[in-house]
Protein backbone atom coordinates (compact mmCIF):
# COMPACT_ATOMS: atom_id res chain seq x y z
CA MET A 1 -16.29 -9.91 -5.73
CA LYS A 2 -14.08 -8.61 -8.51
CA PHE A 3 -10.35 -9.05 -9.07
CA ALA A 4 -8.01 -6.31 -10.31
CA ILE A 5 -4.28 -5.86 -10.90
CA GLN A 6 -2.02 -2.90 -10.42
CA ASP A 7 -0.64 -1.63 -13.73
CA LYS A 8 2.97 -2.23 -12.66
CA LEU A 9 2.42 -6.01 -12.50
CA THR A 10 2.03 -6.20 -16.27
CA GLY A 11 5.54 -4.83 -16.94
CA LEU A 12 4.04 -2.60 -19.65
CA SER A 13 4.29 1.18 -19.93
CA ASP A 14 1.55 1.84 -22.50
CA TYR A 15 -1.75 2.03 -20.66
CA LYS A 16 -3.79 0.67 -23.57
CA GLU A 17 -1.58 -2.43 -23.48
CA VAL A 18 -1.89 -2.65 -19.68
CA PHE A 19 -5.70 -2.60 -19.80
CA GLN A 20 -5.74 -4.97 -22.77
CA MET A 21 -3.60 -7.52 -20.91
CA ALA A 22 -5.90 -7.31 -17.90
CA LYS A 23 -8.86 -7.98 -20.21
CA GLU A 24 -7.20 -10.89 -21.99
CA VAL A 25 -6.18 -12.58 -18.74
CA GLY A 26 -9.68 -12.16 -17.28
CA TYR A 27 -9.33 -9.49 -14.59
CA ASP A 28 -12.20 -7.13 -13.82
CA GLY A 29 -10.23 -3.93 -13.46
CA VAL A 30 -6.89 -2.13 -13.32
CA GLU A 31 -5.53 -0.16 -10.38
CA LEU A 32 -3.03 2.62 -11.09
CA ASN A 33 0.12 2.81 -8.97
CA LEU A 34 1.15 6.47 -8.95
CA PHE A 35 3.80 6.77 -6.25
CA GLN A 36 4.67 10.25 -4.92
CA GLN A 37 3.10 12.24 -7.74
CA PRO A 38 -0.32 13.77 -8.33
CA LEU A 39 -2.55 12.60 -11.15
CA GLN A 40 -2.29 15.07 -14.03
CA GLU A 41 -4.73 15.89 -16.84
CA ARG A 42 -2.50 14.37 -19.56
CA LEU A 43 -2.17 11.06 -17.75
CA ALA A 44 -5.91 11.07 -17.04
CA ALA A 45 -6.54 11.43 -20.78
CA GLU A 46 -4.29 8.41 -21.50
CA LEU A 47 -6.14 6.38 -18.90
CA GLN A 48 -9.52 7.40 -20.30
CA ALA A 49 -8.47 6.23 -23.76
CA ALA A 50 -7.38 2.88 -22.31
CA ILE A 51 -10.69 2.50 -20.45
CA ASP A 52 -12.72 3.40 -23.53
CA GLY A 53 -10.70 1.11 -25.78
CA THR A 54 -10.99 -1.99 -23.61
CA GLY A 55 -14.11 -1.58 -21.49
CA ILE A 56 -11.96 -2.40 -18.42
CA PRO A 57 -12.50 0.09 -15.56
CA LEU A 58 -9.90 1.94 -13.53
CA THR A 59 -10.68 0.71 -10.01
CA ALA A 60 -8.62 3.10 -7.88
CA ILE A 61 -5.37 5.06 -7.74
CA CYS A 62 -2.75 3.93 -5.26
CA GLY A 63 -0.98 7.21 -4.63
CA GLY A 64 -1.70 10.31 -6.69
CA TYR A 65 -0.04 12.76 -4.25
CA ARG A 66 3.31 13.91 -2.96
CA HIS A 67 4.43 13.39 0.64
CA TRP A 68 1.95 11.89 3.15
CA ILE A 69 -1.34 12.96 4.71
CA GLY A 70 0.20 12.30 8.13
CA HIS A 71 3.53 14.01 7.39
CA PHE A 72 5.46 15.51 10.30
CA ASP A 73 6.16 18.64 8.22
CA GLU A 74 2.99 20.75 8.11
CA THR A 75 3.75 22.25 4.70
CA LYS A 76 4.27 18.80 3.17
CA ARG A 77 1.18 17.43 4.93
CA LEU A 78 -1.01 20.15 3.43
CA GLU A 79 0.59 19.68 0.01
CA ALA A 80 -0.32 15.98 0.23
CA VAL A 81 -3.92 16.91 1.10
CA ALA A 82 -4.11 19.33 -1.85
CA ASP A 83 -2.73 16.68 -4.21
CA VAL A 84 -5.27 14.13 -2.98
CA GLN A 85 -8.08 16.63 -3.53
CA LEU A 86 -6.94 17.20 -7.13
CA SER A 87 -6.49 13.50 -7.82
CA LEU A 88 -9.93 12.73 -6.38
CA LYS A 89 -11.46 15.09 -8.91
CA LEU A 90 -9.74 13.35 -11.82
CA ALA A 91 -10.46 9.91 -10.35
CA ALA A 92 -14.16 10.80 -10.27
CA GLN A 93 -14.01 11.89 -13.93
CA LEU A 94 -12.40 8.55 -14.84
CA GLY A 95 -15.03 6.56 -12.97
CA ALA A 96 -12.55 5.20 -10.43
CA GLN A 97 -13.78 4.38 -6.95
CA GLY A 98 -11.15 6.56 -5.31
CA ILE A 99 -7.66 7.20 -4.02
CA ILE A 100 -5.63 4.93 -1.73
CA ALA A 101 -3.51 6.49 1.00
CA PRO A 102 -1.78 5.34 4.20
CA ALA A 103 -1.11 7.77 7.01
CA ALA A 104 2.54 7.70 5.92
CA TYR A 105 5.09 5.24 4.59
CA GLY A 106 8.66 4.89 5.82
CA MET A 107 8.76 8.06 7.93
CA PHE A 108 9.04 6.40 11.33
CA SER A 109 8.67 3.04 13.08
CA LYS A 110 8.29 2.47 16.80
CA SER A 111 9.42 -1.12 16.21
CA LEU A 112 12.95 -0.11 15.24
CA PRO A 113 15.46 0.93 17.95
CA HIS A 114 17.18 4.24 18.71
CA GLN A 115 14.61 6.56 17.23
CA VAL A 116 12.85 9.52 18.83
CA LEU A 117 9.29 10.18 17.68
CA PRO A 118 9.09 13.77 16.34
CA ARG A 119 5.44 14.15 17.33
CA ASP A 120 3.42 12.66 20.19
CA VAL A 121 0.45 10.33 19.78
CA GLN A 122 -2.12 13.12 20.17
CA GLY A 123 -0.24 15.20 17.61
CA ASP A 124 -0.37 12.28 15.16
CA HIS A 125 -4.08 11.92 15.74
CA ASN A 126 -4.77 15.64 15.32
CA ALA A 127 -2.79 15.80 12.07
CA LEU A 128 -4.57 12.79 10.58
CA VAL A 129 -8.02 13.99 11.60
CA ASP A 130 -7.35 17.42 10.07
CA SER A 131 -6.09 15.90 6.80
CA LEU A 132 -8.99 13.47 6.56
CA LYS A 133 -11.62 16.11 7.27
CA ARG A 134 -10.22 18.31 4.50
CA ILE A 135 -10.16 15.36 2.07
CA ALA A 136 -13.59 14.05 3.11
CA GLU A 137 -15.20 17.41 2.32
CA HIS A 138 -14.02 17.09 -1.31
CA ALA A 139 -14.71 13.36 -1.48
CA ASP A 140 -18.31 13.86 -0.35
CA LYS A 141 -18.93 16.51 -3.01
CA LEU A 142 -17.38 14.36 -5.74
CA GLN A 143 -19.00 11.11 -4.58
CA VAL A 144 -15.61 9.38 -4.67
CA THR A 145 -13.74 7.62 -1.86
CA LEU A 146 -10.48 7.93 0.01
CA PHE A 147 -9.37 4.44 1.04
CA ILE A 148 -7.21 4.62 4.18
CA GLU A 149 -4.61 1.86 4.22
CA PRO A 150 -3.17 0.65 7.55
CA LEU A 151 0.47 -0.47 7.19
CA ASN A 152 2.45 -2.89 9.31
CA ARG A 153 4.47 -1.71 12.32
CA TYR A 154 7.77 -1.57 10.41
CA GLU A 155 6.48 0.68 7.62
CA ASP A 156 4.45 3.21 9.62
CA HIS A 157 3.77 4.06 13.26
CA MET A 158 0.31 5.65 13.11
CA LEU A 159 -2.19 3.15 11.70
CA HIS A 160 -1.51 -0.60 11.80
CA THR A 161 -4.90 -2.28 12.04
CA VAL A 162 -8.22 -2.05 10.29
CA SER A 163 -9.94 -1.14 13.56
CA GLN A 164 -7.60 1.81 14.11
CA ALA A 165 -8.44 3.21 10.68
CA ALA A 166 -12.16 2.48 11.17
CA SER A 167 -12.09 4.40 14.44
CA LEU A 168 -10.88 7.50 12.58
CA ILE A 169 -13.65 7.10 10.02
CA ARG A 170 -16.26 6.91 12.74
CA GLU A 171 -14.86 10.09 14.27
CA ILE A 172 -15.05 12.01 11.00
CA GLU A 173 -18.42 10.58 9.88
CA SER A 174 -17.94 10.65 6.11
CA ARG A 175 -19.52 8.05 3.83
CA HIS A 176 -16.60 8.53 1.45
CA LEU A 177 -13.86 7.44 3.81
CA LYS A 178 -13.30 3.68 3.83
CA VAL A 179 -10.57 1.30 4.99
CA LEU A 180 -8.41 -0.65 2.58
CA GLY A 181 -7.53 -4.08 3.95
CA ASP A 182 -4.15 -5.24 2.63
CA PHE A 183 -3.67 -8.98 3.15
CA PHE A 184 0.12 -8.57 3.50
CA HIS A 185 -0.18 -6.05 6.34
CA MET A 186 -3.19 -7.82 7.87
CA ASN A 187 -1.21 -11.06 7.97
CA ILE A 188 1.25 -9.26 10.27
CA GLU A 189 -1.07 -7.09 12.35
CA GLU A 190 -4.45 -8.84 12.58
CA ALA A 191 -4.95 -11.83 14.88
CA ASP A 192 -7.51 -13.28 12.47
CA ILE A 193 -8.11 -11.76 9.02
CA SER A 194 -11.59 -13.30 8.66
CA ARG A 195 -12.68 -12.10 12.08
CA THR A 196 -11.46 -8.59 11.27
CA ILE A 197 -13.40 -8.60 8.02
CA GLU A 198 -16.52 -9.73 9.86
CA SER A 199 -16.27 -7.12 12.63
CA GLU A 200 -15.34 -4.13 10.42
CA PHE A 201 -17.10 -5.08 7.20
CA SER A 202 -19.17 -1.88 7.01
CA ASN A 203 -15.98 0.20 7.01
CA LEU A 204 -14.00 -1.89 4.52
CA GLY A 205 -14.26 -0.76 0.90
CA TYR A 206 -11.32 -2.26 -0.99
CA PHE A 207 -8.60 -4.88 -0.62
CA HIS A 208 -5.00 -5.41 -1.68
CA LEU A 209 -3.78 -8.95 -2.21
CA ALA A 210 -0.27 -10.30 -1.59
CA ASP A 211 1.00 -13.38 0.14
CA SER A 212 2.97 -13.33 3.38
CA ASN A 213 6.26 -12.92 1.46
CA ARG A 214 4.87 -10.06 -0.67
CA GLN A 215 4.74 -12.37 -3.69
CA LEU A 216 1.66 -13.29 -5.69
CA PRO A 217 -1.18 -14.92 -3.74
CA GLY A 218 -0.61 -18.68 -3.47
CA LYS A 219 3.17 -18.37 -3.28
CA ALA A 220 3.49 -18.55 0.53
CA HIS A 221 1.39 -19.44 3.59
CA THR A 222 -1.40 -16.84 3.86
CA ASP A 223 -4.86 -18.39 4.01
CA PHE A 224 -6.96 -16.71 1.30
CA ARG A 225 -9.74 -19.27 1.20
CA THR A 226 -11.27 -18.53 4.64
CA PRO A 227 -11.32 -14.71 4.27
CA PHE A 228 -12.62 -14.97 0.70
CA GLN A 229 -15.47 -17.17 1.79
CA THR A 230 -16.22 -14.72 4.61
CA LEU A 231 -16.38 -11.90 2.06
CA GLN A 232 -18.57 -14.01 -0.19
CA ARG A 233 -20.94 -14.80 2.67
CA LEU A 234 -21.14 -11.08 3.53
CA ASN A 235 -21.91 -10.33 -0.15
CA TYR A 236 -18.85 -8.14 -0.73
CA GLN A 237 -19.28 -6.51 -4.15
CA GLY A 238 -16.03 -4.56 -4.37
CA TYR A 239 -12.53 -5.14 -5.73
CA LEU A 240 -9.62 -7.21 -4.54
CA SER A 241 -6.53 -5.89 -6.30
CA MET A 242 -3.11 -7.46 -6.45
CA GLU A 243 -0.30 -5.31 -5.06
CA CYS A 244 2.73 -7.58 -4.87
CA ARG A 245 5.94 -8.73 -6.52
CA ILE A 246 5.87 -10.81 -9.66
CA GLY A 247 8.31 -12.91 -11.73
CA ASP A 248 9.32 -12.54 -15.36
CA GLU A 249 6.54 -14.52 -17.02
CA LYS A 250 3.99 -11.90 -16.10
CA LYS A 251 1.01 -12.84 -18.24
CA GLU A 252 1.27 -16.53 -17.38
CA LEU A 253 1.70 -15.78 -13.68
CA LEU A 254 -1.28 -13.43 -13.68
CA GLN A 255 -3.42 -16.14 -15.29
CA GLU A 256 -2.20 -18.76 -12.80
CA THR A 257 -2.91 -16.43 -9.87
CA LEU A 258 -6.41 -15.56 -11.06
CA HIS A 259 -7.18 -19.29 -11.27
CA PHE A 260 -5.89 -19.69 -7.69
CA LEU A 261 -7.95 -16.75 -6.41
CA ARG A 262 -11.12 -18.05 -7.98
CA SER A 263 -10.49 -21.50 -6.55
CA CYS A 264 -10.43 -19.94 -3.08
CA LEU A 265 -14.08 -18.95 -3.58
CA GLN A 266 -15.12 -22.58 -3.91
CA GLY A 267 -16.58 -24.27 -0.86
């Protein structure tokens, strides 16, 4: 098990400094947060320089596309797919494991009142399957992964649970589609995080960490110890990356949190 941080948690804009801070604090990797924009060649070159200069890997890219792969608008959905395909190519060149994408974020919620769903359930399913098949074809050729992230019921209406995302993966049958388990969303949607990890372990490829209040792990009531020990028992070799809010003393808080995370691995 390896721990990573998203670049935004450092509060730094220079990628060499971001990767250097991660190295100094003791993290195993850096995840890039690239919201609503594709990864471009110039940025990829900056990231490569940071990787080469520190020896710290880029684990994955959270984003790297415009719109959403489950967008209601067909033109925007296909633009999202094309952006993901481009970003996957650059991610592979950088040695990253892949791209992280939910079905959509903030477009619609069935849990909020007085809204009419623009597309029926079968239409949602068809759109997602089409997007994922197009992406999987590229991912398989590049040997890089798309991590599908289920979001909680208030942020999306299509995929809420790990099992829902895993069901799509089984339908498409690509080795380069995996589920991202986000502890914040799982805390809301999963009855038992450890049981979910156990039952869907073969489909889980990456994790996001945040406590129940979206703060750093250890700042609220989520149980990290039991799921971590489940992952350890199952010999999980991948990354757990922090995607959360952070206070002003960033370096100190990142050190404190890494100590907490490692303590959760102790029996």
